Amino acid sequence: MLRGLLIALGFVILLGLPTLVFAQPVTPAQIAEALIARENAHDVEGAVALFTDDAVVNLEGEVLTGTQQIRVWQQGLATGHFHGEMSTPQTVGDQVIWRGIVELDRFRELGLPQLDGIWDLTLEGEKIKAFTFTWPPESRARLQQAANQPPGMPRTGNQPFGLPGSWLLLLGTASTAVGILLRGSLRKSKS
């Protein structure tokens, strides 16, 4: 009986040993790349799984703590059709930093199809413990300028008219058509 147990244990060790010897540790850069890939795929749960339970996310001063708040943020990114492109990440110990391009419906609506951003992650093991996103000065200025554009001014970007402009055009066209029809029917009734 003991001999059978030792033989079985030997097989387990022999079968498991190559996995232990050849397994590659996950690098901080790979975790950063996995985050962007999951966000680009709008995989909310996959992205949230990369964070520790008590992770802290700082988005230009808005602080989120824990996976519940991070999930809500990731759902917002998915709903807003987030797309990110990253430069080569720079890693120092458990910290990874990179610049990249951000695309999001909210920015497209302001006439900004792309903005540059800076990501800064601090890892704990193979999970994100702290996440900070900041805008470089030129992107922050573009955002502020677009957000402060006076109402009624046309926005430039992917669409020739924003939603309000197209609705106003449609409403104006319909009003003109109704006016022409009423005018024609009033002339006929007077004759």
C-alpha atoms as a PDB file:
ATOM      1  CA  MET A   1       0.000   0.000   0.000  1.00  0.00           C
ATOM      2  CA  LEU A   2       2.781   2.412   0.962  1.00  0.00           C
ATOM      3  CA  ARG A   3       4.676   1.475  -2.170  1.00  0.00           C
ATOM      4  CA  GLY A   4       1.617   2.294  -4.360  1.00  0.00           C
ATOM      5  CA  LEU A   5       1.242   5.641  -2.616  1.00  0.00           C
ATOM      6  CA  LEU A   6       4.900   6.507  -3.198  1.00  0.00           C
ATOM      7  CA  ILE A   7       4.641   5.534  -6.879  1.00  0.00           C
ATOM      8  CA  ALA A   8       1.532   7.722  -7.279  1.00  0.00           C
ATOM      9  CA  LEU A   9       3.284  10.608  -5.529  1.00  0.00           C
ATOM     10  CA  GLY A  10       6.283  10.153  -7.833  1.00  0.00           C
ATOM     11  CA  PHE A  11       4.050  10.429 -10.917  1.00  0.00           C
ATOM     12  CA  VAL A  12       2.433  13.586  -9.573  1.00  0.00           C
ATOM     13  CA  ILE A  13       5.842  15.131  -8.977  1.00  0.00           C
ATOM     14  CA  LEU A  14       7.154  14.076 -12.405  1.00  0.00           C
ATOM     15  CA  LEU A  15       4.055  15.380 -14.189  1.00  0.00           C
ATOM     16  CA  GLY A  16       3.971  18.629 -12.214  1.00  0.00           C
ATOM     17  CA  LEU A  17       7.702  19.356 -12.268  1.00  0.00           C
ATOM     18  CA  PRO A  18       7.870  20.577 -15.888  1.00  0.00           C
ATOM     19  CA  THR A  19       5.071  23.034 -15.154  1.00  0.00           C
ATOM     20  CA  LEU A  20       6.942  24.382 -12.143  1.00  0.00           C
ATOM     21  CA  VAL A  21      10.260  24.584 -14.002  1.00  0.00           C
ATOM     22  CA  PHE A  22       8.952  26.107 -17.236  1.00  0.00           C
ATOM     23  CA  ALA A  23       6.169  28.355 -15.889  1.00  0.00           C
ATOM     24  CA  GLN A  24       6.912  31.979 -16.671  1.00  0.00           C
ATOM     25  CA  PRO A  25       6.016  34.625 -14.108  1.00  0.00           C
ATOM     26  CA  VAL A  26       3.600  37.311 -15.266  1.00  0.00           C
ATOM     27  CA  THR A  27       5.395  40.617 -15.706  1.00  0.00           C
ATOM     28  CA  PRO A  28       3.959  44.021 -14.746  1.00  0.00           C
ATOM     29  CA  ALA A  29       3.922  44.971 -18.444  1.00  0.00           C
ATOM     30  CA  GLN A  30       1.839  41.877 -19.246  1.00  0.00           C
ATOM     31  CA  ILE A  31      -0.696  42.839 -16.578  1.00  0.00           C
ATOM     32  CA  ALA A  32      -0.929  46.364 -18.047  1.00  0.00           C
ATOM     33  CA  GLU A  33      -1.396  44.920 -21.534  1.00  0.00           C
ATOM     34  CA  ALA A  34      -4.060  42.518 -20.210  1.00  0.00           C
ATOM     35  CA  LEU A  35      -5.955  45.431 -18.650  1.00  0.00           C
ATOM     36  CA  ILE A  36      -6.043  47.420 -21.905  1.00  0.00           C
ATOM     37  CA  ALA A  37      -6.965  44.289 -23.902  1.00  0.00           C
ATOM     38  CA  ARG A  38      -9.872  43.489 -21.551  1.00  0.00           C
ATOM     39  CA  GLU A  39     -11.057  47.111 -21.553  1.00  0.00           C
ATOM     40  CA  ASN A  40     -10.888  47.209 -25.366  1.00  0.00           C
ATOM     41  CA  ALA A  41     -12.941  43.984 -25.472  1.00  0.00           C
ATOM     42  CA  HIS A  42     -15.426  45.607 -23.034  1.00  0.00           C
ATOM     43  CA  ASP A  43     -14.816  42.626 -20.716  1.00  0.00           C
ATOM     44  CA  VAL A  44     -15.910  44.277 -17.465  1.00  0.00           C
ATOM     45  CA  GLU A  45     -15.485  41.236 -15.223  1.00  0.00           C
ATOM     46  CA  GLY A  46     -12.152  40.346 -16.820  1.00  0.00           C
ATOM     47  CA  ALA A  47     -10.821  43.859 -16.193  1.00  0.00           C
ATOM     48  CA  VAL A  48     -12.144  43.946 -12.600  1.00  0.00           C
ATOM     49  CA  ALA A  49     -10.476  40.582 -11.918  1.00  0.00           C
ATOM     50  CA  LEU A  50      -7.070  42.222 -12.478  1.00  0.00           C
ATOM     51  CA  PHE A  51      -7.528  44.468  -9.403  1.00  0.00           C
ATOM     52  CA  THR A  52      -7.069  43.588  -5.728  1.00  0.00           C
ATOM     53  CA  ASP A  53     -10.247  43.663  -3.630  1.00  0.00           C
ATOM     54  CA  ASP A  54      -9.111  46.912  -1.964  1.00  0.00           C
ATOM     55  CA  ALA A  55      -7.554  48.558  -5.037  1.00  0.00           C
ATOM     56  CA  VAL A  56      -7.619  52.345  -5.319  1.00  0.00           C
ATOM     57  CA  VAL A  57      -8.250  54.040  -8.676  1.00  0.00           C
ATOM     58  CA  ASN A  58      -7.511  57.753  -9.108  1.00  0.00           C
ATOM     59  CA  LEU A  59      -9.042  59.298 -12.220  1.00  0.00           C
ATOM     60  CA  GLU A  60      -7.857  62.911 -12.221  1.00  0.00           C
ATOM     61  CA  GLY A  61      -8.939  63.405  -8.603  1.00  0.00           C
ATOM     62  CA  GLU A  62     -12.003  61.137  -8.603  1.00  0.00           C
ATOM     63  CA  VAL A  63     -11.036  58.287  -6.267  1.00  0.00           C
ATOM     64  CA  LEU A  64     -12.637  54.850  -6.484  1.00  0.00           C
ATOM     65  CA  THR A  65     -11.982  52.192  -3.867  1.00  0.00           C
ATOM     66  CA  GLY A  66     -12.676  48.469  -4.099  1.00  0.00           C
ATOM     67  CA  THR A  67     -13.938  46.227  -6.845  1.00  0.00           C
ATOM     68  CA  GLN A  68     -17.585  47.397  -6.624  1.00  0.00           C
ATOM     69  CA  GLN A  69     -16.683  50.976  -7.570  1.00  0.00           C
ATOM     70  CA  ILE A  70     -14.119  49.736 -10.090  1.00  0.00           C
ATOM     71  CA  ARG A  71     -16.835  47.564 -11.700  1.00  0.00           C
ATOM     72  CA  VAL A  72     -19.134  50.601 -12.124  1.00  0.00           C
ATOM     73  CA  TRP A  73     -16.255  52.529 -13.732  1.00  0.00           C
ATOM     74  CA  GLN A  74     -15.437  49.613 -16.066  1.00  0.00           C
ATOM     75  CA  GLN A  75     -19.121  49.316 -17.030  1.00  0.00           C
ATOM     76  CA  GLY A  76     -19.051  53.008 -17.948  1.00  0.00           C
ATOM     77  CA  LEU A  77     -15.991  52.438 -20.138  1.00  0.00           C
ATOM     78  CA  ALA A  78     -17.676  49.493 -21.876  1.00  0.00           C
ATOM     79  CA  THR A  79     -20.920  51.420 -22.412  1.00  0.00           C
ATOM     80  CA  GLY A  80     -18.935  54.382 -23.777  1.00  0.00           C
ATOM     81  CA  HIS A  81     -17.124  52.158 -26.305  1.00  0.00           C
ATOM     82  CA  PHE A  82     -13.700  52.717 -24.731  1.00  0.00           C
ATOM     83  CA  HIS A  83     -10.673  51.976 -26.844  1.00  0.00           C
ATOM     84  CA  GLY A  84      -7.109  52.441 -25.665  1.00  0.00           C
ATOM     85  CA  GLU A  85      -3.762  52.097 -27.384  1.00  0.00           C
ATOM     86  CA  MET A  86      -0.638  51.922 -25.301  1.00  0.00           C
ATOM     87  CA  SER A  87       2.981  52.793 -25.940  1.00  0.00           C
ATOM     88  CA  THR A  88       5.693  50.537 -24.578  1.00  0.00           C
ATOM     89  CA  PRO A  89       5.206  50.346 -20.803  1.00  0.00           C
ATOM     90  CA  GLN A  90       8.086  51.352 -18.527  1.00  0.00           C
ATOM     91  CA  THR A  91       8.472  49.101 -15.499  1.00  0.00           C
ATOM     92  CA  VAL A  92      10.309  49.853 -12.258  1.00  0.00           C
ATOM     93  CA  GLY A  93       9.774  47.177  -9.618  1.00  0.00           C
ATOM     94  CA  ASP A  94       6.044  46.760  -9.060  1.00  0.00           C
ATOM     95  CA  GLN A  95       5.129  49.970 -10.921  1.00  0.00           C
ATOM     96  CA  VAL A  96       4.327  50.235 -14.627  1.00  0.00           C
ATOM     97  CA  ILE A  97       3.746  53.527 -16.470  1.00  0.00           C
ATOM     98  CA  TRP A  98       2.835  54.241 -20.074  1.00  0.00           C
ATOM     99  CA  ARG A  99       1.340  56.862 -22.357  1.00  0.00           C
ATOM    100  CA  GLY A 100      -1.354  56.018 -24.818  1.00  0.00           C
ATOM    101  CA  ILE A 101      -4.406  57.082 -26.750  1.00  0.00           C
ATOM    102  CA  VAL A 102      -7.939  57.067 -25.322  1.00  0.00           C
ATOM    103  CA  GLU A 103     -11.140  56.977 -27.370  1.00  0.00           C
ATOM    104  CA  LEU A 104     -14.533  57.232 -25.648  1.00  0.00           C
ATOM    105  CA  ASP A 105     -18.036  58.259 -26.769  1.00  0.00           C
ATOM    106  CA  ARG A 106     -18.099  61.067 -24.192  1.00  0.00           C
ATOM    107  CA  PHE A 107     -15.038  62.635 -25.846  1.00  0.00           C
ATOM    108  CA  ARG A 108     -16.269  61.983 -29.391  1.00  0.00           C
ATOM    109  CA  GLU A 109     -19.443  63.917 -28.511  1.00  0.00           C
ATOM    110  CA  LEU A 110     -17.202  66.878 -27.650  1.00  0.00           C
ATOM    111  CA  GLY A 111     -15.526  66.612 -31.051  1.00  0.00           C
ATOM    112  CA  LEU A 112     -12.440  64.895 -29.664  1.00  0.00           C
ATOM    113  CA  PRO A 113     -12.033  61.520 -31.363  1.00  0.00           C
ATOM    114  CA  GLN A 114      -8.781  60.760 -29.479  1.00  0.00           C
ATOM    115  CA  LEU A 115      -6.916  62.078 -26.457  1.00  0.00           C
ATOM    116  CA  ASP A 116      -3.519  61.221 -25.022  1.00  0.00           C
ATOM    117  CA  GLY A 117      -3.402  59.828 -21.498  1.00  0.00           C
ATOM    118  CA  ILE A 118      -0.924  58.603 -18.893  1.00  0.00           C
ATOM    119  CA  TRP A 119      -1.491  55.376 -16.943  1.00  0.00           C
ATOM    120  CA  ASP A 120       0.374  54.510 -13.741  1.00  0.00           C
ATOM    121  CA  LEU A 121      -0.214  51.119 -12.102  1.00  0.00           C
ATOM    122  CA  THR A 122       1.206  49.745  -8.869  1.00  0.00           C
ATOM    123  CA  LEU A 123       0.983  45.994  -8.500  1.00  0.00           C
ATOM    124  CA  GLU A 124       0.663  43.684  -5.550  1.00  0.00           C
ATOM    125  CA  GLY A 125       1.703  40.266  -6.785  1.00  0.00           C
ATOM    126  CA  GLU A 126      -0.077  39.805 -10.094  1.00  0.00           C
ATOM    127  CA  LYS A 127      -2.937  42.233  -9.339  1.00  0.00           C
ATOM    128  CA  ILE A 128      -3.354  45.989  -9.625  1.00  0.00           C
ATOM    129  CA  LYS A 129      -3.269  47.624  -6.178  1.00  0.00           C
ATOM    130  CA  ALA A 130      -3.282  51.268  -7.341  1.00  0.00           C
ATOM    131  CA  PHE A 131      -4.286  52.791 -10.670  1.00  0.00           C
ATOM    132  CA  THR A 132      -3.808  56.445 -11.579  1.00  0.00           C
ATOM    133  CA  PHE A 133      -4.893  58.017 -14.851  1.00  0.00           C
ATOM    134  CA  THR A 134      -3.932  61.577 -15.758  1.00  0.00           C
ATOM    135  CA  TRP A 135      -4.220  63.799 -18.788  1.00  0.00           C
ATOM    136  CA  PRO A 136      -1.042  65.379 -20.131  1.00  0.00           C
ATOM    137  CA  PRO A 137      -1.365  69.201 -20.250  1.00  0.00           C
ATOM    138  CA  GLU A 138      -2.196  69.323 -23.979  1.00  0.00           C
ATOM    139  CA  SER A 139      -5.082  66.806 -23.625  1.00  0.00           C
ATOM    140  CA  ARG A 140      -6.387  68.538 -20.502  1.00  0.00           C
ATOM    141  CA  ALA A 141      -6.430  71.861 -22.399  1.00  0.00           C
ATOM    142  CA  ARG A 142      -8.298  70.320 -25.354  1.00  0.00           C
ATOM    143  CA  LEU A 143     -10.868  68.795 -22.990  1.00  0.00           C
ATOM    144  CA  GLN A 144     -11.398  72.073 -21.131  1.00  0.00           C
ATOM    145  CA  GLN A 145     -11.737  74.008 -24.371  1.00  0.00           C
ATOM    146  CA  ALA A 146     -14.295  71.532 -25.783  1.00  0.00           C
ATOM    147  CA  ALA A 147     -16.264  71.409 -22.528  1.00  0.00           C
ATOM    148  CA  ASN A 148     -16.372  75.235 -22.286  1.00  0.00           C
ATOM    149  CA  GLN A 149     -17.512  75.760 -25.882  1.00  0.00           C
ATOM    150  CA  PRO A 150     -20.587  78.057 -25.822  1.00  0.00           C
ATOM    151  CA  PRO A 151     -23.972  76.384 -26.378  1.00  0.00           C
ATOM    152  CA  GLY A 152     -25.234  76.539 -29.933  1.00  0.00           C
ATOM    153  CA  MET A 153     -21.766  76.495 -31.450  1.00  0.00           C
ATOM    154  CA  PRO A 154     -21.268  73.563 -33.801  1.00  0.00           C
ATOM    155  CA  ARG A 155     -18.925  70.883 -32.578  1.00  0.00           C
ATOM    156  CA  THR A 156     -16.460  69.279 -34.916  1.00  0.00           C
ATOM    157  CA  GLY A 157     -15.568  65.618 -34.924  1.00  0.00           C
ATOM    158  CA  ASN A 158     -16.947  62.368 -36.263  1.00  0.00           C
ATOM    159  CA  GLN A 159     -20.489  63.639 -36.870  1.00  0.00           C
ATOM    160  CA  PRO A 160     -21.464  66.677 -38.966  1.00  0.00           C
ATOM    161  CA  PHE A 161     -24.155  67.553 -36.396  1.00  0.00           C
ATOM    162  CA  GLY A 162     -24.326  66.624 -32.775  1.00  0.00           C
ATOM    163  CA  LEU A 163     -27.624  65.113 -31.686  1.00  0.00           C
ATOM    164  CA  PRO A 164     -29.183  68.504 -30.782  1.00  0.00           C
ATOM    165  CA  GLY A 165     -28.214  70.011 -34.140  1.00  0.00           C
ATOM    166  CA  SER A 166     -29.708  67.170 -36.168  1.00  0.00           C
ATOM    167  CA  TRP A 167     -32.915  67.308 -34.138  1.00  0.00           C
ATOM    168  CA  LEU A 168     -33.175  71.063 -34.692  1.00  0.00           C
ATOM    169  CA  LEU A 169     -32.641  70.598 -38.421  1.00  0.00           C
ATOM    170  CA  LEU A 170     -35.313  67.895 -38.546  1.00  0.00           C
ATOM    171  CA  LEU A 171     -37.722  70.010 -36.480  1.00  0.00           C
ATOM    172  CA  GLY A 172     -37.120  73.070 -38.664  1.00  0.00           C
ATOM    173  CA  THR A 173     -37.688  71.077 -41.856  1.00  0.00           C
ATOM    174  CA  ALA A 174     -40.890  69.552 -40.484  1.00  0.00           C
ATOM    175  CA  SER A 175     -42.159  72.962 -39.346  1.00  0.00           C
ATOM    176  CA  THR A 176     -41.497  74.431 -42.794  1.00  0.00           C
ATOM    177  CA  ALA A 177     -43.294  71.539 -44.494  1.00  0.00           C
ATOM    178  CA  VAL A 178     -46.319  71.901 -42.189  1.00  0.00           C
ATOM    179  CA  GLY A 179     -46.366  75.650 -42.839  1.00  0.00           C
ATOM    180  CA  ILE A 180     -46.326  75.152 -46.617  1.00  0.00           C
ATOM    181  CA  LEU A 181     -49.132  72.567 -46.405  1.00  0.00           C
ATOM    182  CA  LEU A 182     -51.265  74.824 -44.177  1.00  0.00           C
ATOM    183  CA  ARG A 183     -50.688  77.805 -46.426  1.00  0.00           C
ATOM    184  CA  GLY A 184     -51.714  75.776 -49.478  1.00  0.00           C
ATOM    185  CA  SER A 185     -54.860  74.484 -47.782  1.00  0.00           C
ATOM    186  CA  LEU A 186     -55.799  78.003 -46.572  1.00  0.00           C
ATOM    187  CA  ARG A 187     -55.489  79.371 -50.148  1.00  0.00           C
ATOM    188  CA  LYS A 188     -57.736  76.584 -51.466  1.00  0.00           C
ATOM    189  CA  SER A 189     -60.380  77.239 -48.807  1.00  0.00           C
ATOM    190  CA  LYS A 190     -60.443  80.988 -49.634  1.00  0.00           C
ATOM    191  CA  SER A 191     -60.944  80.332 -53.359  1.00  0.00           C
END
